[in-house]
């Protein structure tokens, strides 16, 4: 009888901890709206201004993840290749802009020489 009572106490204490603990944490955790109301007005304004951009970036990221998951490679390798590709494009962009600027200057020089 004593042993059964001990087991019942253990099971009930375990249930209280395993079920009651997360329920307690969930009940005291503030919602997103409550956190937003605690921001100072400047942060609220910035958050509202950037919300649409952040949502769009998140949607793009999820879309990329879906594309990467369809490939035969792992998502991590596909993401790494994508980042390397973006970095290479970013490095090449100033060079292209410099070339375009030189071409515009050359064209302006030609126009000036033709006008003389």
PDB file of N, CA and C in Angstrom:
ATOM      1  N   UNK A   1       0.829  -1.193   0.000  1.00  0.00           N
ATOM      2  CA  UNK A   1       0.000   0.000   0.000  1.00  0.00           C
ATOM      3  C   UNK A   1       0.875   1.258   0.000  1.00  0.00           C
ATOM      4  N   UNK A   2       1.903   1.254   0.787  1.00  0.00           N
ATOM      5  CA  UNK A   2       2.805   2.389   0.908  1.00  0.00           C
ATOM      6  C   UNK A   2       3.521   2.643  -0.417  1.00  0.00           C
ATOM      7  N   UNK A   3       3.890   1.546  -1.078  1.00  0.00           N
ATOM      8  CA  UNK A   3       4.598   1.676  -2.352  1.00  0.00           C
ATOM      9  C   UNK A   3       3.680   2.256  -3.430  1.00  0.00           C
ATOM     10  N   UNK A   4       2.451   1.855  -3.467  1.00  0.00           N
ATOM     11  CA  UNK A   4       1.484   2.371  -4.433  1.00  0.00           C
ATOM     12  C   UNK A   4       1.243   3.855  -4.182  1.00  0.00           C
ATOM     13  N   UNK A   5       1.131   4.227  -2.961  1.00  0.00           N
ATOM     14  CA  UNK A   5       0.924   5.634  -2.614  1.00  0.00           C
ATOM     15  C   UNK A   5       2.121   6.483  -3.058  1.00  0.00           C
ATOM     16  N   UNK A   6       3.320   5.976  -2.896  1.00  0.00           N
ATOM     17  CA  UNK A   6       4.526   6.682  -3.329  1.00  0.00           C
ATOM     18  C   UNK A   6       4.523   6.876  -4.845  1.00  0.00           C
ATOM     19  N   UNK A   7       4.152   5.837  -5.584  1.00  0.00           N
ATOM     20  CA  UNK A   7       4.079   5.927  -7.035  1.00  0.00           C
ATOM     21  C   UNK A   7       3.021   6.941  -7.462  1.00  0.00           C
ATOM     22  N   UNK A   8       1.894   6.949  -6.820  1.00  0.00           N
ATOM     23  CA  UNK A   8       0.856   7.922  -7.153  1.00  0.00           C
ATOM     24  C   UNK A   8       1.324   9.345  -6.884  1.00  0.00           C
ATOM     25  N   UNK A   9       2.033   9.544  -5.793  1.00  0.00           N
ATOM     26  CA  UNK A   9       2.580  10.865  -5.493  1.00  0.00           C
ATOM     27  C   UNK A   9       3.582  11.289  -6.561  1.00  0.00           C
ATOM     28  N   UNK A  10       4.446  10.378  -6.947  1.00  0.00           N
ATOM     29  CA  UNK A  10       5.447  10.688  -7.980  1.00  0.00           C
ATOM     30  C   UNK A  10       4.785  11.033  -9.308  1.00  0.00           C
ATOM     31  N   UNK A  11       3.797  10.230  -9.697  1.00  0.00           N
ATOM     32  CA  UNK A  11       3.114  10.482 -10.970  1.00  0.00           C
ATOM     33  C   UNK A  11       2.358  11.806 -10.939  1.00  0.00           C
ATOM     34  N   UNK A  12       1.698  12.092  -9.823  1.00  0.00           N
ATOM     35  CA  UNK A  12       0.960  13.354  -9.748  1.00  0.00           C
ATOM     36  C   UNK A  12       1.918  14.547  -9.717  1.00  0.00           C
ATOM     37  N   UNK A  13       3.030  14.429  -8.998  1.00  0.00           N
ATOM     38  CA  UNK A  13       4.013  15.514  -8.983  1.00  0.00           C
ATOM     39  C   UNK A  13       4.623  15.705 -10.371  1.00  0.00           C
ATOM     40  N   UNK A  14       4.910  14.614 -11.073  1.00  0.00           N
ATOM     41  CA  UNK A  14       5.445  14.710 -12.433  1.00  0.00           C
ATOM     42  C   UNK A  14       4.453  15.358 -13.380  1.00  0.00           C
ATOM     43  N   UNK A  15       3.162  14.995 -13.237  1.00  0.00           N
ATOM     44  CA  UNK A  15       2.140  15.593 -14.097  1.00  0.00           C
ATOM     45  C   UNK A  15       2.015  17.079 -13.825  1.00  0.00           C
ATOM     46  N   UNK A  16       2.065  17.458 -12.555  1.00  0.00           N
ATOM     47  CA  UNK A  16       1.978  18.880 -12.207  1.00  0.00           C
ATOM     48  C   UNK A  16       3.149  19.641 -12.810  1.00  0.00           C
ATOM     49  N   UNK A  17       4.344  19.080 -12.717  1.00  0.00           N
ATOM     50  CA  UNK A  17       5.524  19.755 -13.272  1.00  0.00           C
ATOM     51  C   UNK A  17       5.495  19.788 -14.797  1.00  0.00           C
ATOM     52  N   UNK A  18       5.180  18.661 -15.416  1.00  0.00           N
ATOM     53  CA  UNK A  18       5.240  18.567 -16.880  1.00  0.00           C
ATOM     54  C   UNK A  18       4.103  19.311 -17.562  1.00  0.00           C
ATOM     55  N   UNK A  19       2.959  19.388 -16.933  1.00  0.00           N
ATOM     56  CA  UNK A  19       1.819  20.067 -17.537  1.00  0.00           C
ATOM     57  C   UNK A  19       1.665  21.470 -16.973  1.00  0.00           C
ATOM     58  N   UNK A  20       1.783  21.590 -15.675  1.00  0.00           N
ATOM     59  CA  UNK A  20       1.586  22.885 -15.035  1.00  0.00           C
ATOM     60  C   UNK A  20       2.679  23.880 -15.318  1.00  0.00           C
ATOM     61  N   UNK A  21       3.916  23.416 -15.420  1.00  0.00           N
ATOM     62  CA  UNK A  21       5.028  24.327 -15.691  1.00  0.00           C
ATOM     63  C   UNK A  21       4.885  25.073 -16.997  1.00  0.00           C
ATOM     64  N   UNK A  22       4.722  24.364 -18.114  1.00  0.00           N
ATOM     65  CA  UNK A  22       4.534  25.081 -19.379  1.00  0.00           C
ATOM     66  C   UNK A  22       3.273  25.940 -19.400  1.00  0.00           C
ATOM     67  N   UNK A  23       2.211  25.472 -18.742  1.00  0.00           N
ATOM     68  CA  UNK A  23       0.989  26.287 -18.691  1.00  0.00           C
ATOM     69  C   UNK A  23       1.249  27.582 -17.926  1.00  0.00           C
ATOM     70  N   UNK A  24       2.011  27.499 -16.829  1.00  0.00           N
ATOM     71  CA  UNK A  24       2.339  28.691 -16.054  1.00  0.00           C
ATOM     72  C   UNK A  24       3.177  29.664 -16.875  1.00  0.00           C
ATOM     73  N   UNK A  25       4.183  29.134 -17.551  1.00  0.00           N
ATOM     74  CA  UNK A  25       5.040  29.993 -18.386  1.00  0.00           C
ATOM     75  C   UNK A  25       4.218  30.650 -19.481  1.00  0.00           C
ATOM     76  N   UNK A  26       3.329  29.893 -20.103  1.00  0.00           N
ATOM     77  CA  UNK A  26       2.484  30.440 -21.168  1.00  0.00           C
ATOM     78  C   UNK A  26       1.569  31.534 -20.628  1.00  0.00           C
ATOM     79  N   UNK A  27       1.103  31.374 -19.400  1.00  0.00           N
ATOM     80  CA  UNK A  27       0.173  32.366 -18.848  1.00  0.00           C
ATOM     81  C   UNK A  27       0.878  33.671 -18.487  1.00  0.00           C
ATOM     82  N   UNK A  28       2.154  33.627 -18.125  1.00  0.00           N
ATOM     83  CA  UNK A  28       2.839  34.870 -17.740  1.00  0.00           C
ATOM     84  C   UNK A  28       3.610  35.505 -18.890  1.00  0.00           C
ATOM     85  N   UNK A  29       3.765  34.802 -20.004  1.00  0.00           N
ATOM     86  CA  UNK A  29       4.491  35.352 -21.151  1.00  0.00           C
ATOM     87  C   UNK A  29       3.646  36.430 -21.821  1.00  0.00           C
ATOM     88  N   UNK A  30       4.217  37.623 -22.058  1.00  0.00           N
ATOM     89  CA  UNK A  30       3.432  38.676 -22.711  1.00  0.00           C
ATOM     90  C   UNK A  30       3.240  38.371 -24.201  1.00  0.00           C
ATOM     91  N   UNK A  31       2.111  38.815 -24.739  1.00  0.00           N
ATOM     92  CA  UNK A  31       1.843  38.625 -26.161  1.00  0.00           C
ATOM     93  C   UNK A  31       2.635  39.654 -26.952  1.00  0.00           C
ATOM     94  N   UNK A  32       2.661  39.479 -28.271  1.00  0.00           N
ATOM     95  CA  UNK A  32       3.371  40.435 -29.123  1.00  0.00           C
ATOM     96  C   UNK A  32       2.767  41.827 -29.000  1.00  0.00           C
ATOM     97  N   UNK A  33       1.448  41.902 -28.909  1.00  0.00           N
ATOM     98  CA  UNK A  33       0.787  43.202 -28.792  1.00  0.00           C
ATOM     99  C   UNK A  33       1.171  43.890 -27.483  1.00  0.00           C
ATOM    100  N   UNK A  34       1.247  43.132 -26.387  1.00  0.00           N
ATOM    101  CA  UNK A  34       1.633  43.716 -25.107  1.00  0.00           C
ATOM    102  C   UNK A  34       3.066  44.231 -25.158  1.00  0.00           C
ATOM    103  N   UNK A  35       3.949  43.483 -25.796  1.00  0.00           N
ATOM    104  CA  UNK A  35       5.331  43.944 -25.936  1.00  0.00           C
ATOM    105  C   UNK A  35       5.395  45.205 -26.781  1.00  0.00           C
ATOM    106  N   UNK A  36       4.619  45.237 -27.865  1.00  0.00           N
ATOM    107  CA  UNK A  36       4.615  46.398 -28.750  1.00  0.00           C
ATOM    108  C   UNK A  36       4.126  47.633 -28.005  1.00  0.00           C
ATOM    109  N   UNK A  37       3.126  47.475 -27.134  1.00  0.00           N
ATOM    110  CA  UNK A  37       2.606  48.612 -26.375  1.00  0.00           C
ATOM    111  C   UNK A  37       3.644  49.136 -25.382  1.00  0.00           C
ATOM    112  N   UNK A  38       4.571  48.308 -24.963  1.00  0.00           N
ATOM    113  CA  UNK A  38       5.606  48.729 -24.019  1.00  0.00           C
ATOM    114  C   UNK A  38       6.730  49.507 -24.696  1.00  0.00           C
ATOM    115  N   UNK A  39       6.829  49.432 -26.030  1.00  0.00           N
ATOM    116  CA  UNK A  39       7.858  50.194 -26.751  1.00  0.00           C
ATOM    117  C   UNK A  39       7.618  51.681 -26.537  1.00  0.00           C
ATOM    118  N   UNK A  40       8.695  52.456 -26.663  1.00  0.00           N
ATOM    119  CA  UNK A  40       8.483  53.900 -26.652  1.00  0.00           C
ATOM    120  C   UNK A  40       7.951  54.296 -28.032  1.00  0.00           C
ATOM    121  N   UNK A  41       7.327  55.457 -28.153  1.00  0.00           N
ATOM    122  CA  UNK A  41       6.665  55.835 -29.419  1.00  0.00           C
ATOM    123  C   UNK A  41       7.592  55.829 -30.634  1.00  0.00           C
ATOM    124  N   UNK A  42       8.863  56.197 -30.454  1.00  0.00           N
ATOM    125  CA  UNK A  42       9.788  56.199 -31.592  1.00  0.00           C
ATOM    126  C   UNK A  42      10.002  54.780 -32.117  1.00  0.00           C
ATOM    127  N   UNK A  43      10.193  53.828 -31.195  1.00  0.00           N
ATOM    128  CA  UNK A  43      10.379  52.441 -31.621  1.00  0.00           C
ATOM    129  C   UNK A  43       9.123  51.885 -32.273  1.00  0.00           C
ATOM    130  N   UNK A  44       7.961  52.256 -31.760  1.00  0.00           N
ATOM    131  CA  UNK A  44       6.711  51.806 -32.376  1.00  0.00           C
ATOM    132  C   UNK A  44       6.613  52.319 -33.805  1.00  0.00           C
ATOM    133  N   UNK A  45       6.960  53.570 -33.998  1.00  0.00           N
ATOM    134  CA  UNK A  45       6.893  54.166 -35.338  1.00  0.00           C
ATOM    135  C   UNK A  45       7.855  53.457 -36.296  1.00  0.00           C
ATOM    136  N   UNK A  46       9.109  53.238 -35.840  1.00  0.00           N
ATOM    137  CA  UNK A  46      10.094  52.549 -36.683  1.00  0.00           C
ATOM    138  C   UNK A  46       9.644  51.124 -36.996  1.00  0.00           C
ATOM    139  N   UNK A  47       9.087  50.461 -35.997  1.00  0.00           N
ATOM    140  CA  UNK A  47       8.642  49.089 -36.187  1.00  0.00           C
ATOM    141  C   UNK A  47       7.526  49.026 -37.229  1.00  0.00           C
ATOM    142  N   UNK A  48       6.599  49.952 -37.153  1.00  0.00           N
ATOM    143  CA  UNK A  48       5.502  49.974 -38.121  1.00  0.00           C
ATOM    144  C   UNK A  48       6.011  50.306 -39.519  1.00  0.00           C
ATOM    145  N   UNK A  49       6.996  51.201 -39.608  1.00  0.00           N
ATOM    146  CA  UNK A  49       7.535  51.571 -40.919  1.00  0.00           C
ATOM    147  C   UNK A  49       8.271  50.409 -41.566  1.00  0.00           C
ATOM    148  N   UNK A  50       8.978  49.617 -40.757  1.00  0.00           N
ATOM    149  CA  UNK A  50       9.793  48.525 -41.302  1.00  0.00           C
ATOM    150  C   UNK A  50       9.067  47.195 -41.373  1.00  0.00           C
ATOM    151  N   UNK A  51       7.848  47.132 -40.877  1.00  0.00           N
ATOM    152  CA  UNK A  51       7.132  45.863 -40.828  1.00  0.00           C
ATOM    153  C   UNK A  51       6.937  45.250 -42.209  1.00  0.00           C
ATOM    154  N   UNK A  52       6.499  46.060 -43.141  1.00  0.00           N
ATOM    155  CA  UNK A  52       6.219  45.535 -44.484  1.00  0.00           C
ATOM    156  C   UNK A  52       7.495  44.999 -45.145  1.00  0.00           C
ATOM    157  N   UNK A  53       8.593  45.733 -44.985  1.00  0.00           N
ATOM    158  CA  UNK A  53       9.865  45.302 -45.567  1.00  0.00           C
ATOM    159  C   UNK A  53      10.329  43.985 -44.941  1.00  0.00           C
ATOM    160  N   UNK A  54      10.220  43.877 -43.610  1.00  0.00           N
ATOM    161  CA  UNK A  54      10.631  42.649 -42.939  1.00  0.00           C
ATOM    162  C   UNK A  54       9.761  41.463 -43.348  1.00  0.00           C
ATOM    163  N   UNK A  55       8.455  41.702 -43.495  1.00  0.00           N
ATOM    164  CA  UNK A  55       7.564  40.626 -43.935  1.00  0.00           C
ATOM    165  C   UNK A  55       7.916  40.173 -45.352  1.00  0.00           C
ATOM    166  N   UNK A  56       8.240  41.123 -46.217  1.00  0.00           N
ATOM    167  CA  UNK A  56       8.614  40.789 -47.581  1.00  0.00           C
ATOM    168  C   UNK A  56       9.921  40.001 -47.598  1.00  0.00           C
ATOM    169  N   UNK A  57      10.904  40.423 -46.799  1.00  0.00           N
ATOM    170  CA  UNK A  57      12.174  39.696 -46.730  1.00  0.00           C
ATOM    171  C   UNK A  57      11.961  38.281 -46.214  1.00  0.00           C
ATOM    172  N   UNK A  58      11.097  38.128 -45.236  1.00  0.00           N
ATOM    173  CA  UNK A  58      10.813  36.800 -44.699  1.00  0.00           C
ATOM    174  C   UNK A  58      10.146  35.927 -45.748  1.00  0.00           C
ATOM    175  N   UNK A  59       9.190  36.487 -46.486  1.00  0.00           N
ATOM    176  CA  UNK A  59       8.524  35.723 -47.545  1.00  0.00           C
ATOM    177  C   UNK A  59       9.516  35.293 -48.623  1.00  0.00           C
ATOM    178  N   UNK A  60      10.433  36.193 -48.986  1.00  0.00           N
ATOM    179  CA  UNK A  60      11.450  35.848 -49.972  1.00  0.00           C
ATOM    180  C   UNK A  60      12.349  34.735 -49.455  1.00  0.00           C
ATOM    181  N   UNK A  61      12.705  34.818 -48.189  1.00  0.00           N
ATOM    182  CA  UNK A  61      13.562  33.798 -47.588  1.00  0.00           C
ATOM    183  C   UNK A  61      12.868  32.436 -47.585  1.00  0.00           C
ATOM    184  N   UNK A  62      11.588  32.421 -47.230  1.00  0.00           N
ATOM    185  CA  UNK A  62      10.847  31.160 -47.219  1.00  0.00           C
ATOM    186  C   UNK A  62      10.740  30.602 -48.634  1.00  0.00           C
ATOM    187  N   UNK A  63      10.537  31.468 -49.607  1.00  0.00           N
ATOM    188  CA  UNK A  63      10.469  31.030 -51.000  1.00  0.00           C
ATOM    189  C   UNK A  63      11.792  30.413 -51.427  1.00  0.00           C
ATOM    190  N   UNK A  64      12.899  31.054 -51.044  1.00  0.00           N
ATOM    191  CA  UNK A  64      14.219  30.500 -51.371  1.00  0.00           C
ATOM    192  C   UNK A  64      14.428  29.154 -50.696  1.00  0.00           C
ATOM    193  N   UNK A  65      14.008  29.042 -49.443  1.00  0.00           N
ATOM    194  CA  UNK A  65      14.139  27.764 -48.746  1.00  0.00           C
ATOM    195  C   UNK A  65      13.368  26.664 -49.471  1.00  0.00           C
ATOM    196  N   UNK A  66      12.185  26.998 -49.945  1.00  0.00           N
ATOM    197  CA  UNK A  66      11.389  26.007 -50.678  1.00  0.00           C
ATOM    198  C   UNK A  66      12.093  25.589 -51.962  1.00  0.00           C
ATOM    199  N   UNK A  67      12.682  26.557 -52.656  1.00  0.00           N
ATOM    200  CA  UNK A  67      13.416  26.234 -53.879  1.00  0.00           C
ATOM    201  C   UNK A  67      14.621  25.358 -53.569  1.00  0.00           C
ATOM    202  N   UNK A  68      15.362  25.718 -52.532  1.00  0.00           N
ATOM    203  CA  UNK A  68      16.554  24.965 -52.165  1.00  0.00           C
ATOM    204  C   UNK A  68      16.197  23.549 -51.727  1.00  0.00           C
ATOM    205  N   UNK A  69      15.056  23.385 -51.101  1.00  0.00           N
ATOM    206  CA  UNK A  69      14.676  22.052 -50.632  1.00  0.00           C
ATOM    207  C   UNK A  69      14.285  21.139 -51.795  1.00  0.00           C
ATOM    208  N   UNK A  70      13.911  21.705 -52.929  1.00  0.00           N
ATOM    209  CA  UNK A  70      13.542  20.898 -54.092  1.00  0.00           C
ATOM    210  C   UNK A  70      14.755  20.340 -54.818  1.00  0.00           C
ATOM    211  N   UNK A  71      15.920  20.967 -54.619  1.00  0.00           N
ATOM    212  CA  UNK A  71      17.111  20.502 -55.318  1.00  0.00           C
ATOM    213  C   UNK A  71      17.653  19.236 -54.661  1.00  0.00           C
ATOM    214  N   UNK A  72      18.560  18.572 -55.360  1.00  0.00           N
ATOM    215  CA  UNK A  72      19.164  17.341 -54.849  1.00  0.00           C
ATOM    216  C   UNK A  72      20.168  17.625 -53.734  1.00  0.00           C
ATOM    217  N   UNK A  73      20.685  18.842 -53.704  1.00  0.00           N
ATOM    218  CA  UNK A  73      21.680  19.207 -52.697  1.00  0.00           C
ATOM    219  C   UNK A  73      20.981  19.473 -51.361  1.00  0.00           C
ATOM    220  N   UNK A  74      21.798  19.502 -50.311  1.00  0.00           N
ATOM    221  CA  UNK A  74      21.224  19.865 -49.014  1.00  0.00           C
ATOM    222  C   UNK A  74      20.917  21.358 -49.018  1.00  0.00           C
ATOM    223  N   UNK A  75      20.025  21.748 -48.146  1.00  0.00           N
ATOM    224  CA  UNK A  75      19.632  23.152 -48.078  1.00  0.00           C
ATOM    225  C   UNK A  75      20.835  24.025 -47.719  1.00  0.00           C
ATOM    226  N   UNK A  76      21.701  23.512 -46.856  1.00  0.00           N
ATOM    227  CA  UNK A  76      22.852  24.289 -46.415  1.00  0.00           C
ATOM    228  C   UNK A  76      23.806  24.566 -47.569  1.00  0.00           C
ATOM    229  N   UNK A  77      24.034  23.563 -48.412  1.00  0.00           N
ATOM    230  CA  UNK A  77      24.923  23.772 -49.560  1.00  0.00           C
ATOM    231  C   UNK A  77      24.296  24.735 -50.558  1.00  0.00           C
ATOM    232  N   UNK A  78      22.997  24.580 -50.792  1.00  0.00           N
ATOM    233  CA  UNK A  78      22.317  25.471 -51.723  1.00  0.00           C
ATOM    234  C   UNK A  78      22.354  26.914 -51.203  1.00  0.00           C
ATOM    235  N   UNK A  79      22.156  27.092 -49.909  1.00  0.00           N
ATOM    236  CA  UNK A  79      22.194  28.435 -49.325  1.00  0.00           C
ATOM    237  C   UNK A  79      23.599  29.026 -49.434  1.00  0.00           C
ATOM    238  N   UNK A  80      24.601  28.203 -49.208  1.00  0.00           N
ATOM    239  CA  UNK A  80      25.982  28.680 -49.290  1.00  0.00           C
ATOM    240  C   UNK A  80      26.304  29.104 -50.726  1.00  0.00           C
ATOM    241  N   UNK A  81      25.885  28.305 -51.708  1.00  0.00           N
ATOM    242  CA  UNK A  81      26.112  28.661 -53.107  1.00  0.00           C
ATOM    243  C   UNK A  81      25.401  29.964 -53.451  1.00  0.00           C
ATOM    244  N   UNK A  82      24.186  30.122 -52.941  1.00  0.00           N
ATOM    245  CA  UNK A  82      23.435  31.341 -53.201  1.00  0.00           C
ATOM    246  C   UNK A  82      24.158  32.556 -52.610  1.00  0.00           C
ATOM    247  N   UNK A  83      24.661  32.416 -51.385  1.00  0.00           N
ATOM    248  CA  UNK A  83      25.382  33.518 -50.754  1.00  0.00           C
ATOM    249  C   UNK A  83      26.655  33.852 -51.511  1.00  0.00           C
ATOM    250  N   UNK A  84      27.371  32.837 -51.981  1.00  0.00           N
ATOM    251  CA  UNK A  84      28.578  33.083 -52.765  1.00  0.00           C
ATOM    252  C   UNK A  84      28.246  33.786 -54.073  1.00  0.00           C
ATOM    253  N   UNK A  85      27.142  33.391 -54.683  1.00  0.00           N
ATOM    254  CA  UNK A  85      26.709  34.017 -55.934  1.00  0.00           C
ATOM    255  C   UNK A  85      26.360  35.485 -55.687  1.00  0.00           C
ATOM    256  N   UNK A  86      25.641  35.760 -54.593  1.00  0.00           N
ATOM    257  CA  UNK A  86      25.273  37.131 -54.254  1.00  0.00           C
ATOM    258  C   UNK A  86      26.518  37.972 -53.972  1.00  0.00           C
ATOM    259  N   UNK A  87      27.495  37.376 -53.262  1.00  0.00           N
ATOM    260  CA  UNK A  87      28.726  38.096 -52.943  1.00  0.00           C
ATOM    261  C   UNK A  87      29.489  38.421 -54.219  1.00  0.00           C
ATOM    262  N   UNK A  88      29.552  37.457 -55.149  1.00  0.00           N
ATOM    263  CA  UNK A  88      30.245  37.689 -56.416  1.00  0.00           C
ATOM    264  C   UNK A  88      29.553  38.791 -57.215  1.00  0.00           C
ATOM    265  N   UNK A  89      28.235  38.790 -57.205  1.00  0.00           N
ATOM    266  CA  UNK A  89      27.492  39.841 -57.904  1.00  0.00           C
ATOM    267  C   UNK A  89      27.749  41.202 -57.261  1.00  0.00           C
ATOM    268  N   UNK A  90      27.790  41.215 -55.927  1.00  0.00           N
ATOM    269  CA  UNK A  90      28.029  42.475 -55.216  1.00  0.00           C
ATOM    270  C   UNK A  90      29.429  43.004 -55.510  1.00  0.00           C
ATOM    271  N   UNK A  91      30.393  42.100 -55.637  1.00  0.00           N
ATOM    272  CA  UNK A  91      31.746  42.530 -55.958  1.00  0.00           C
ATOM    273  C   UNK A  91      31.847  42.999 -57.404  1.00  0.00           C
ATOM    274  N   UNK A  92      31.092  42.400 -58.301  1.00  0.00           N
ATOM    275  CA  UNK A  92      31.145  42.760 -59.713  1.00  0.00           C
ATOM    276  C   UNK A  92      30.361  44.035 -60.008  1.00  0.00           C
ATOM    277  N   UNK A  93      29.395  44.354 -59.181  1.00  0.00           N
ATOM    278  CA  UNK A  93      28.553  45.512 -59.442  1.00  0.00           C
ATOM    279  C   UNK A  93      29.334  46.827 -59.460  1.00  0.00           C
ATOM    280  N   UNK A  94      30.207  47.100 -58.516  1.00  0.00           N
ATOM    281  CA  UNK A  94      30.971  48.360 -58.606  1.00  0.00           C
ATOM    282  C   UNK A  94      31.832  48.432 -59.871  1.00  0.00           C
ATOM    283  N   UNK A  95      32.374  47.300 -60.279  1.00  0.00           N
ATOM    284  CA  UNK A  95      33.191  47.289 -61.497  1.00  0.00           C
ATOM    285  C   UNK A  95      32.326  47.636 -62.704  1.00  0.00           C
ATOM    286  N   UNK A  96      31.116  47.064 -62.761  1.00  0.00           N
ATOM    287  CA  UNK A  96      30.209  47.383 -63.865  1.00  0.00           C
ATOM    288  C   UNK A  96      29.812  48.851 -63.845  1.00  0.00           C
ATOM    289  N   UNK A  97      29.543  49.368 -62.655  1.00  0.00           N
ATOM    290  CA  UNK A  97      29.167  50.779 -62.537  1.00  0.00           C
ATOM    291  C   UNK A  97      30.320  51.668 -62.969  1.00  0.00           C
ATOM    292  N   UNK A  98      31.534  51.274 -62.643  1.00  0.00           N
ATOM    293  CA  UNK A  98      32.716  52.041 -63.044  1.00  0.00           C
ATOM    294  C   UNK A  98      32.866  52.021 -64.561  1.00  0.00           C
ATOM    295  N   UNK A  99      32.649  50.862 -65.171  1.00  0.00           N
ATOM    296  CA  UNK A  99      32.736  50.761 -66.630  1.00  0.00           C
ATOM    297  C   UNK A  99      31.665  51.602 -67.301  1.00  0.00           C
ATOM    298  N   UNK A 100      30.464  51.592 -66.770  1.00  0.00           N
ATOM    299  CA  UNK A 100      29.381  52.398 -67.338  1.00  0.00           C
ATOM    300  C   UNK A 100      29.702  53.887 -67.217  1.00  0.00           C
ATOM    301  N   UNK A 101      30.279  54.274 -66.087  1.00  0.00           N
ATOM    302  CA  UNK A 101      30.643  55.663 -65.880  1.00  0.00           C
ATOM    303  C   UNK A 101      31.712  56.092 -66.886  1.00  0.00           C
ATOM    304  N   UNK A 102      32.703  55.224 -67.118  1.00  0.00           N
ATOM    305  CA  UNK A 102      33.738  55.530 -68.109  1.00  0.00           C
ATOM    306  C   UNK A 102      33.133  55.645 -69.502  1.00  0.00           C
ATOM    307  N   UNK A 103      32.205  54.759 -69.825  1.00  0.00           N
ATOM    308  CA  UNK A 103      31.558  54.812 -71.134  1.00  0.00           C
ATOM    309  C   UNK A 103      30.759  56.105 -71.290  1.00  0.00           C
ATOM    310  N   UNK A 104      30.074  56.533 -70.248  1.00  0.00           N
ATOM    311  CA  UNK A 104      29.317  57.785 -70.318  1.00  0.00           C
ATOM    312  C   UNK A 104      30.252  58.971 -70.500  1.00  0.00           C
ATOM    313  N   UNK A 105      31.369  58.981 -69.770  1.00  0.00           N
ATOM    314  CA  UNK A 105      32.342  60.068 -69.916  1.00  0.00           C
ATOM    315  C   UNK A 105      32.904  60.117 -71.331  1.00  0.00           C
ATOM    316  N   UNK A 106      33.223  58.933 -71.865  1.00  0.00           N
ATOM    317  CA  UNK A 106      33.759  58.861 -73.230  1.00  0.00           C
ATOM    318  C   UNK A 106      32.738  59.374 -74.238  1.00  0.00           C
ATOM    319  N   UNK A 107      31.487  59.003 -74.033  1.00  0.00           N
ATOM    320  CA  UNK A 107      30.437  59.454 -74.935  1.00  0.00           C
ATOM    321  C   UNK A 107      30.275  60.975 -74.837  1.00  0.00           C
ATOM    322  N   UNK A 108      30.346  61.508 -73.639  1.00  0.00           N
ATOM    323  CA  UNK A 108      30.238  62.960 -73.471  1.00  0.00           C
ATOM    324  C   UNK A 108      31.410  63.667 -74.141  1.00  0.00           C
ATOM    325  N   UNK A 109      32.615  63.108 -74.053  1.00  0.00           N
ATOM    326  CA  UNK A 109      33.785  63.689 -74.714  1.00  0.00           C
ATOM    327  C   UNK A 109      33.592  63.703 -76.230  1.00  0.00           C
ATOM    328  N   UNK A 110      33.085  62.577 -76.751  1.00  0.00           N
ATOM    329  CA  UNK A 110      32.846  62.519 -78.204  1.00  0.00           C
ATOM    330  C   UNK A 110      31.843  63.561 -78.646  1.00  0.00           C
ATOM    331  N   UNK A 111      30.786  63.708 -77.859  1.00  0.00           N
ATOM    332  CA  UNK A 111      29.755  64.702 -78.189  1.00  0.00           C
ATOM    333  C   UNK A 111      30.328  66.105 -78.142  1.00  0.00           C
ATOM    334  N   UNK A 112      31.178  66.348 -77.142  1.00  0.00           N
ATOM    335  CA  UNK A 112      31.799  67.663 -77.036  1.00  0.00           C
ATOM    336  C   UNK A 112      32.727  67.926 -78.208  1.00  0.00           C
ATOM    337  N   UNK A 113      33.484  66.896 -78.633  1.00  0.00           N
ATOM    338  CA  UNK A 113      34.409  67.064 -79.758  1.00  0.00           C
ATOM    339  C   UNK A 113      33.643  67.243 -81.055  1.00  0.00           C
ATOM    340  N   UNK A 114      32.518  66.564 -81.216  1.00  0.00           N
ATOM    341  CA  UNK A 114      31.704  66.703 -82.445  1.00  0.00           C
ATOM    342  C   UNK A 114      31.064  68.083 -82.484  1.00  0.00           C
ATOM    343  N   UNK A 115      30.759  68.636 -81.345  1.00  0.00           N
ATOM    344  CA  UNK A 115      30.120  69.953 -81.277  1.00  0.00           C
ATOM    345  C   UNK A 115      31.075  71.092 -81.628  1.00  0.00           C
ATOM    346  N   UNK A 116      32.372  70.844 -81.525  1.00  0.00           N
ATOM    347  CA  UNK A 116      33.360  71.905 -81.803  1.00  0.00           C
ATOM    348  C   UNK A 116      33.529  72.134 -83.244  1.00  0.00           C
TER     349      UNK A 116
END
